[in-house]
Amino acid sequence: MITVYSLTAAVILIALGTYALLAKDNLIKKIIGLGIFTDGIHLLLISIGYKEEGIAPIIRDIHFNHATAVNAINTSALNAMVDPLPQALVLTSIVIELSITALALVIIIQIHKKYNTINSKHLRRLKE
């Protein structure tokens, strides 16, 4: 049930972010829309990796030998473990999103200094 709500929220966030990116003319609002869009993607990835009553994928007290490691791990414990890949992807994506946002804001500041506007329609007219 939680997964349905989180997937619905993720789709709503992705739709709102897409709307802000496509429909707004203010560059700052486009950057905010990009942030909302990527937050929706993060929620989607975390929702995909969610497992009801899952446990952390940490295996202890096993002397690792490739031939016997699979036999030593309880298969029910393996089935209960949460996949760590979506969490790792989201953490990486958060760092990338932060740097892209910072770079975009610096570019917008330079655009405002040079053209005295942050409206994308006005910038298109200046190009012509």
Protein backbone atom coordinates (compact mmCIF):
# COMPACT_ATOMS: atom_id res chain seq x y z
CA MET A 1 0.00 0.00 0.00
CA ILE A 2 2.84 2.37 0.82
CA THR A 3 4.39 1.62 -2.56
CA VAL A 4 1.21 2.67 -4.38
CA TYR A 5 1.18 6.02 -2.57
CA SER A 6 4.86 6.63 -3.15
CA LEU A 7 4.61 5.69 -6.83
CA THR A 8 1.63 8.03 -7.21
CA ALA A 9 3.54 10.83 -5.49
CA ALA A 10 6.55 10.16 -7.72
CA VAL A 11 4.43 10.41 -10.88
CA ILE A 12 2.86 13.65 -9.63
CA LEU A 13 6.27 15.15 -8.88
CA ILE A 14 7.61 14.12 -12.27
CA ALA A 15 4.56 15.65 -13.98
CA LEU A 16 4.88 18.92 -12.02
CA GLY A 17 8.58 19.14 -12.78
CA THR A 18 7.98 18.50 -16.47
CA TYR A 19 5.27 21.18 -16.53
CA ALA A 20 7.59 23.70 -14.89
CA LEU A 21 10.39 22.90 -17.33
CA LEU A 22 8.21 23.20 -20.42
CA ALA A 23 5.66 25.87 -19.55
CA LYS A 24 7.53 28.44 -17.47
CA ASP A 25 9.58 31.23 -19.03
CA ASN A 26 11.52 32.28 -15.93
CA LEU A 27 14.85 30.45 -15.80
CA ILE A 28 14.80 30.23 -11.99
CA LYS A 29 11.39 28.52 -12.15
CA LYS A 30 12.81 26.11 -14.72
CA ILE A 31 15.62 25.22 -12.30
CA ILE A 32 13.08 24.68 -9.51
CA GLY A 33 11.09 22.48 -11.90
CA LEU A 34 14.23 20.49 -12.64
CA GLY A 35 14.70 19.95 -8.91
CA ILE A 36 11.10 18.78 -8.51
CA PHE A 37 11.49 16.47 -11.50
CA THR A 38 14.64 14.84 -10.13
CA ASP A 39 13.05 14.50 -6.67
CA GLY A 40 10.24 12.57 -8.34
CA ILE A 41 12.78 10.33 -10.04
CA HIS A 42 14.50 9.75 -6.69
CA LEU A 43 11.22 8.81 -5.06
CA LEU A 44 10.46 6.47 -7.95
CA LEU A 45 13.80 4.70 -7.63
CA ILE A 46 13.48 4.34 -3.86
CA SER A 47 9.92 3.03 -4.27
CA ILE A 48 11.10 0.44 -6.77
CA GLY A 49 13.78 -0.74 -4.34
CA TYR A 50 11.40 -0.86 -1.35
CA LYS A 51 10.70 -4.25 0.17
CA GLU A 52 8.16 -4.78 2.96
CA GLU A 53 10.02 -5.78 6.13
CA GLY A 54 13.29 -5.93 4.23
CA ILE A 55 16.61 -6.19 5.98
CA ALA A 56 19.92 -4.51 5.23
CA PRO A 57 22.10 -6.45 2.78
CA ILE A 58 24.93 -6.98 5.26
CA ILE A 59 26.36 -10.47 5.57
CA ARG A 60 28.48 -11.08 8.66
CA ASP A 61 30.38 -13.96 10.20
CA ILE A 62 31.03 -15.78 6.96
CA HIS A 63 34.54 -16.67 5.96
CA PHE A 64 34.22 -15.90 2.30
CA ASN A 65 35.00 -18.76 0.04
CA HIS A 66 33.34 -18.46 -3.34
CA ALA A 67 32.42 -22.14 -3.50
CA THR A 68 30.76 -22.28 -0.07
CA ALA A 69 29.48 -18.72 0.36
CA VAL A 70 26.19 -19.36 -1.42
CA ASN A 71 25.55 -22.47 0.66
CA ALA A 72 26.44 -20.70 3.93
CA ILE A 73 23.94 -17.86 3.43
CA ASN A 74 20.38 -18.63 4.37
CA THR A 75 18.19 -18.34 1.27
CA SER A 76 15.32 -16.83 3.27
CA ALA A 77 17.72 -14.12 4.45
CA LEU A 78 18.71 -13.49 0.84
CA ASN A 79 15.07 -13.11 -0.18
CA ALA A 80 14.44 -10.64 2.67
CA MET A 81 17.39 -8.40 1.80
CA VAL A 82 16.74 -5.04 0.21
CA ASP A 83 18.46 -4.26 -3.08
CA PRO A 84 21.08 -1.56 -2.34
CA LEU A 85 21.47 -0.47 -5.98
CA PRO A 86 18.51 2.01 -6.09
CA GLN A 87 19.77 3.65 -2.90
CA ALA A 88 23.25 4.02 -4.32
CA LEU A 89 21.86 5.44 -7.57
CA VAL A 90 19.77 7.99 -5.66
CA LEU A 91 22.70 9.12 -3.52
CA THR A 92 24.80 9.59 -6.64
CA SER A 93 21.97 11.39 -8.39
CA ILE A 94 21.48 13.78 -5.46
CA VAL A 95 25.13 14.86 -5.68
CA ILE A 96 24.90 15.30 -9.44
CA GLU A 97 21.63 17.25 -9.12
CA LEU A 98 23.19 19.58 -6.56
CA SER A 99 26.14 20.38 -8.82
CA ILE A 100 23.95 20.86 -11.88
CA THR A 101 21.68 23.21 -9.92
CA ALA A 102 24.63 25.24 -8.66
CA LEU A 103 26.12 25.48 -12.15
CA ALA A 104 22.77 26.47 -13.67
CA LEU A 105 22.26 29.19 -11.08
CA VAL A 106 25.73 30.61 -11.77
CA ILE A 107 24.94 30.65 -15.50
CA ILE A 108 21.61 32.38 -14.81
CA ILE A 109 23.40 35.04 -12.74
CA GLN A 110 25.79 35.68 -15.64
CA ILE A 111 22.87 35.85 -18.07
CA HIS A 112 21.14 38.39 -15.84
CA LYS A 113 24.31 40.49 -15.60
CA LYS A 114 24.80 40.50 -19.37
CA TYR A 115 21.22 40.73 -20.69
CA ASN A 116 19.38 42.14 -17.64
CA THR A 117 16.67 39.47 -17.90
CA ILE A 118 16.07 35.85 -16.92
CA ASN A 119 13.02 35.35 -19.09
CA SER A 120 13.69 32.78 -21.80
CA LYS A 121 11.37 34.46 -24.31
CA HIS A 122 13.21 37.76 -23.95
CA LEU A 123 16.52 35.97 -24.42
CA ARG A 124 15.26 34.41 -27.65
CA ARG A 125 14.28 37.84 -28.95
CA LEU A 126 17.75 39.19 -28.12
CA LYS A 127 19.28 36.41 -30.19
CA GLU A 128 17.39 37.46 -33.34
